Structures are given as C-alpha cells and as structure tokens.
Protein backbone atom coordinates (compact mmCIF):
# COMPACT_ATOMS: atom_id res chain seq x y z
CA UNK A 1 -16.20 -8.72 -5.03
CA UNK A 2 -16.37 -8.43 -1.24
CA UNK A 3 -13.81 -6.29 0.50
CA UNK A 4 -13.23 -4.76 3.92
CA UNK A 5 -10.62 -2.67 5.69
CA UNK A 6 -9.48 -2.12 9.24
CA UNK A 7 -7.26 0.42 10.95
CA UNK A 8 -5.80 0.91 14.41
CA UNK A 9 -3.94 4.08 15.43
CA UNK A 10 -1.37 2.29 17.59
CA UNK A 11 0.75 4.67 19.69
CA UNK A 12 0.76 7.49 17.13
CA UNK A 13 -0.94 10.85 17.67
CA UNK A 14 -2.82 10.62 14.35
CA UNK A 15 -4.08 7.91 12.02
CA UNK A 16 -2.18 8.83 8.87
CA UNK A 17 -2.82 5.67 6.87
CA UNK A 18 -5.65 5.99 4.35
CA UNK A 19 -7.65 3.45 2.37
CA UNK A 20 -9.79 4.08 -0.70
CA UNK A 21 -11.61 2.15 -3.41
CA UNK A 22 -13.21 3.24 -6.65
CA UNK A 23 -15.13 1.38 -9.35
CA UNK A 24 -15.62 2.45 -12.97
CA UNK A 25 -17.17 0.30 -15.72
CA UNK A 26 -16.58 -2.86 -13.70
CA UNK A 27 -12.95 -1.99 -13.00
CA UNK A 28 -12.20 -1.70 -9.30
CA UNK A 29 -9.17 -0.05 -7.74
CA UNK A 30 -8.00 -0.64 -4.17
CA UNK A 31 -5.53 1.77 -2.56
CA UNK A 32 -3.64 1.97 0.71
CA UNK A 33 -1.47 4.99 1.53
CA UNK A 34 0.82 5.30 4.53
CA UNK A 35 1.40 8.95 5.39
CA UNK A 36 4.93 9.88 6.44
CA UNK A 37 4.73 11.65 9.78
CA UNK A 38 1.86 12.21 12.21
CA UNK A 39 -0.07 15.47 12.01
CA UNK A 40 -3.40 16.94 10.94
CA UNK A 41 -1.84 18.04 7.64
CA UNK A 42 -0.37 14.62 6.80
CA UNK A 43 -3.63 12.91 7.75
CA UNK A 44 -5.78 15.10 5.50
CA UNK A 45 -3.32 15.04 2.60
CA UNK A 46 -2.96 11.26 2.66
CA UNK A 47 -6.72 10.70 2.66
CA UNK A 48 -7.10 12.95 -0.37
CA UNK A 49 -4.18 11.25 -2.14
CA UNK A 50 -5.68 7.79 -1.61
CA UNK A 51 -9.01 8.85 -3.12
CA UNK A 52 -7.28 10.47 -6.11
CA UNK A 53 -5.18 7.39 -6.83
CA UNK A 54 -8.22 5.11 -6.61
CA UNK A 55 -10.17 7.24 -9.09
CA UNK A 56 -7.23 7.59 -11.49
CA UNK A 57 -6.50 3.85 -11.43
CA UNK A 58 -10.13 2.80 -11.97
CA UNK A 59 -10.69 5.27 -14.78
CA UNK A 60 -7.41 4.41 -16.52
CA UNK A 61 -7.89 0.68 -15.97
CA UNK A 62 -4.29 0.31 -14.80
CA UNK A 63 -2.52 0.27 -11.44
CA UNK A 64 0.72 1.70 -12.82
CA UNK A 65 -1.06 4.37 -14.90
CA UNK A 66 -3.21 5.47 -11.99
CA UNK A 67 -0.42 5.72 -9.44
CA UNK A 68 1.94 7.34 -11.93
CA UNK A 69 -0.61 10.03 -12.84
CA UNK A 70 -0.88 11.13 -9.22
CA UNK A 71 2.86 10.73 -8.53
CA UNK A 72 3.61 13.03 -11.48
CA UNK A 73 0.90 15.49 -10.49
CA UNK A 74 2.30 15.93 -6.99
CA UNK A 75 5.88 16.01 -8.29
CA UNK A 76 4.95 18.91 -10.56
CA UNK A 77 3.78 21.13 -7.69
CA UNK A 78 6.13 24.16 -7.78
CA UNK A 79 6.60 24.29 -4.01
CA UNK A 80 8.04 20.76 -4.02
CA UNK A 81 11.00 21.92 -6.13
CA UNK A 82 12.48 23.82 -3.21
CA UNK A 83 15.19 21.99 -1.22
CA UNK A 84 13.57 23.46 1.90
CA UNK A 85 10.09 22.13 1.10
CA UNK A 86 8.36 20.41 4.02
CA UNK A 87 5.20 19.04 2.46
CA UNK A 88 3.22 15.86 3.16
CA UNK A 89 4.35 12.59 1.58
CA UNK A 90 3.12 9.00 1.66
CA UNK A 91 4.00 5.49 0.62
CA UNK A 92 1.32 3.97 -1.59
CA UNK A 93 0.16 0.74 -3.19
CA UNK A 94 -2.72 0.28 -5.61
CA UNK A 95 -4.28 -2.90 -6.98
CA UNK A 96 -6.61 -2.92 -9.98
CA UNK A 97 -9.00 -5.78 -10.73
CA UNK A 98 -10.32 -5.98 -14.29
CA UNK A 99 -12.73 -8.86 -15.00
CA UNK A 100 -10.97 -11.65 -16.86
CA UNK A 101 -7.52 -10.07 -16.61
CA UNK A 102 -4.60 -10.58 -14.20
CA UNK A 103 -4.60 -8.50 -11.04
CA UNK A 104 -2.28 -5.50 -11.49
CA UNK A 105 -0.38 -3.87 -8.64
CA UNK A 106 1.83 -0.75 -8.50
CA UNK A 107 3.63 0.84 -5.56
CA UNK A 108 6.06 3.43 -4.27
CA UNK A 109 7.45 2.97 -0.80
CA UNK A 110 6.89 0.07 1.60
CA UNK A 111 3.14 -0.53 1.56
CA UNK A 112 2.80 -4.18 0.54
CA UNK A 113 0.44 -6.22 -1.61
CA UNK A 114 -0.06 -9.96 -1.17
CA UNK A 115 -2.33 -12.54 -2.74
CA UNK A 116 -3.63 -15.61 -0.93
CA UNK A 117 -4.33 -18.65 -3.11
CA UNK A 118 -5.07 -22.30 -2.28
CA UNK A 119 -1.31 -22.93 -2.54
CA UNK A 120 -0.36 -20.20 -0.05
CA UNK A 121 0.47 -16.52 0.24
CA UNK A 122 2.50 -14.61 -2.34
CA UNK A 123 4.04 -11.19 -1.85
CA UNK A 124 3.80 -9.08 -5.01
CA UNK A 125 5.71 -5.98 -3.92
CA UNK A 126 9.36 -5.34 -3.04
CA UNK A 127 9.90 -2.60 -0.46
CA UNK A 128 11.43 0.69 -1.50
CA UNK A 129 13.67 1.26 1.50
CA UNK A 130 17.30 1.43 2.54
CA UNK A 131 17.32 -2.19 3.68
CA UNK A 132 16.64 -3.27 0.11
CA UNK A 133 19.24 -0.93 -1.38
CA UNK A 134 22.12 -0.89 1.10
CA UNK A 135 21.07 -3.44 3.74
CA UNK A 136 20.47 -0.59 6.17
CA UNK A 137 17.37 0.72 7.95
CA UNK A 138 14.01 -0.46 6.68
CA UNK A 139 12.47 2.69 8.16
CA UNK A 140 14.02 5.00 5.55
CA UNK A 141 12.01 4.73 2.34
CA UNK A 142 13.60 5.33 -1.06
CA UNK A 143 10.47 6.23 -3.03
CA UNK A 144 7.17 7.81 -2.03
CA UNK A 145 4.24 9.83 -3.27
CA UNK A 146 5.18 13.50 -3.10
CA UNK A 147 8.77 12.96 -4.28
CA UNK A 148 9.97 14.78 -7.39
CA UNK A 149 12.47 12.24 -8.75
CA UNK A 150 11.80 10.45 -12.04
CA UNK A 151 12.20 6.72 -12.60
CA UNK A 152 15.65 7.26 -14.10
CA UNK A 153 16.75 9.46 -11.21
CA UNK A 154 15.59 6.87 -8.67
CA UNK A 155 17.39 4.11 -10.58
CA UNK A 156 20.62 6.11 -10.48
CA UNK A 157 20.24 6.66 -6.73
CA UNK A 158 18.82 3.35 -5.56
CA UNK A 159 18.75 0.91 -8.48
CA UNK A 160 14.97 0.78 -8.62
CA UNK A 161 12.31 2.89 -10.35
CA UNK A 162 10.22 5.45 -8.51
CA UNK A 163 7.18 3.26 -9.22
CA UNK A 164 7.28 -0.50 -9.74
CA UNK A 165 4.52 -2.87 -10.79
CA UNK A 166 3.58 -6.55 -10.79
CA UNK A 167 0.73 -8.85 -11.76
CA UNK A 168 -0.91 -11.93 -10.29
CA UNK A 169 -2.84 -14.63 -12.17
CA UNK A 170 -6.58 -14.12 -12.49
CA UNK A 171 -7.64 -17.20 -10.53
CA UNK A 172 -8.97 -17.78 -7.04
CA UNK A 173 -7.30 -15.40 -4.65
CA UNK A 174 -7.69 -12.98 -1.77
CA UNK A 175 -5.90 -9.64 -1.95
CA UNK A 176 -4.17 -8.08 1.05
CA UNK A 177 -2.83 -4.52 1.11
CA UNK A 178 -0.96 -3.73 4.32
CA UNK A 179 0.95 -0.82 5.81
CA UNK A 180 4.30 -1.50 7.49
CA UNK A 181 2.65 -1.03 10.87
CA UNK A 182 0.45 -4.02 10.06
CA UNK A 183 2.87 -6.53 8.56
CA UNK A 184 6.16 -5.73 10.33
CA UNK A 185 5.13 -6.69 13.90
CA UNK A 186 3.83 -10.05 12.67
CA UNK A 187 6.89 -10.77 10.53
CA UNK A 188 9.19 -9.70 13.37
CA UNK A 189 7.37 -12.17 15.62
CA UNK A 190 7.80 -14.92 12.98
CA UNK A 191 4.06 -15.21 12.50
CA UNK A 192 2.47 -16.80 9.46
CA UNK A 193 0.38 -14.05 7.85
CA UNK A 194 -2.10 -16.56 6.45
CA UNK A 195 -3.17 -17.36 10.02
CA UNK A 196 -4.78 -13.91 10.22
CA UNK A 197 -6.60 -14.05 6.88
CA UNK A 198 -9.31 -16.59 7.69
CA UNK A 199 -13.04 -15.96 7.59
CA UNK A 200 -14.85 -13.22 5.71
CA UNK A 201 -13.03 -10.07 4.65
CA UNK A 202 -14.16 -8.01 7.65
CA UNK A 203 -13.11 -10.64 10.16
CA UNK A 204 -9.75 -11.08 8.43
CA UNK A 205 -9.04 -7.34 8.33
CA UNK A 206 -9.95 -6.84 11.99
CA UNK A 207 -7.96 -9.89 13.11
CA UNK A 208 -4.87 -8.79 11.18
CA UNK A 209 -4.57 -5.27 12.60
CA UNK A 210 -5.47 -6.37 16.13
CA UNK A 211 -2.71 -8.97 16.06
CA UNK A 212 -0.26 -6.44 14.60
CA UNK A 213 -0.75 -3.98 17.46
CA UNK A 214 -0.63 -6.77 20.05
CA UNK A 215 2.73 -7.95 18.70
CA UNK A 216 4.23 -4.48 18.23
CA UNK A 217 5.88 -4.45 21.62
CA UNK A 218 6.66 -1.10 23.23
CA UNK A 219 5.71 0.93 20.18
CA UNK A 220 2.81 0.37 17.79
CA UNK A 221 2.64 2.22 14.48
CA UNK A 222 -0.57 2.91 12.56
CA UNK A 223 -1.76 -0.51 11.38
CA UNK A 224 -4.01 -0.66 8.31
CA UNK A 225 -5.09 -3.38 5.91
CA UNK A 226 -7.51 -3.88 3.05
CA UNK A 227 -8.72 -7.42 2.31
CA UNK A 228 -10.63 -8.20 -0.88
CA UNK A 229 -11.94 -11.43 -2.39
CA UNK A 230 -11.38 -11.18 -6.13
CA UNK A 231 -12.23 -14.70 -7.29
CA UNK A 232 -14.20 -17.77 -6.27
CA UNK A 233 -14.22 -18.47 -2.56
CA UNK A 234 -11.04 -20.14 -1.34
CA UNK A 235 -11.53 -23.58 0.16
C-alpha cells in the first residue's frame, strides 16, 4: 500500500502539523495532527502525539480505539485539570486499513479525511468547529487532542461527541488526510480537490500542498497532507 506525505510551513514560524504511520500484523494506521499554535513546544508535542496515535491505532486495529486511547491519556494528565493550564493541543484524524475490511476513520477537530474512488471524492469527516455548531467562525475548534471533556460533555456543549468516526467501503480508493491549511485555501478558491490528486502518491501530495499555499492569499497556514493508495490502482 503506497503512501506519501508532504508539508509546507506557509507563513507560520513553526511547522506544527505532524504525520505518522504505523503497521502491526498487516494493519496500517495513518495519522495527521494539526498542532494548535506555533512554537517549539507545540511542534514537539504534536509530533509525539501523532506517533502515539499511529501505534495505538495499529495495535488496537481500530481508528476510534486508537485515537480514544490517546485522547483519554492526555485528558487524564493532572496539569490539564487546571483552568489556567496552557498546554499543547492538536486536532487529529486517524485512518486504519485492515485487509478485507472497510477503512475506518476517527477524528477530533478539523483535520479531514477523504476517499477518492472512480465515482469521485467523498469526505468522511465533519469538522468540529464553531461554524458547524453555531454557524460562526470555522477557526475555533470544538474538540481537540489535549482537551479533558468526555463525549457526553462535548455533546451537551456542542451537540457532537469529542471523537467521531466513520467508515468507507473496502474497494478501490485513495485516502487523503489533510490539515485545514491544505484544504481550506483550495475550497475557498472553489477548486476541485480531485484535480490535485493525480499521479503517484508523492506527486499528488506535493501538488496538493503547493497549490494550497499558492491559493492562500496574504496568509498561508501550515499545509500538510498524507495520500495513500489502499486498493487496486484507480483508472
């Protein structure tokens, strides 16, 4: 299963997106985390979090189980209980491919997962942000890794769980994980995302983030994608 990733820093001081993969007993997990903020601390924390989620998801064989294990582990850190805590956080999405089974995806925040099939592109995730909840700013997320709220508490606040999940049929498809800095500039410019997903995985990943930064206008966020071919080659 070929895969590739690409990242551009944009106009930020640090690259605080992180990508990780892990394989265990034929089960492969793909993770993209989007660190909230731009600093050495956020950068390092997000890279560690992405690796931990990938390992947990591959070993558990489930996207939801893997992300939830790390969400709960960070939520249990005593220092995060303080209302004055200022610790790193990140949006995250994980996809798990198990041979012969549907692709499983789980997320918290606004990192997105898409699949590309012969019939077109399908978005699997629904953003956790204020635009979804109250039709307000998309830049304020309503769930993220490093939060302490449970599913029930998030539902009471925002009418969605802290972590949500979805599946895609196990047929011919290409997986795309993308940070908001990668997909938003293209959507805002009314671009068809499939146009940037041609060729092999490396070419597609590079083309996608390059186009995102070019279309970002006066301010370019970190742009990161992971592209993976999980079935027979698309024609």
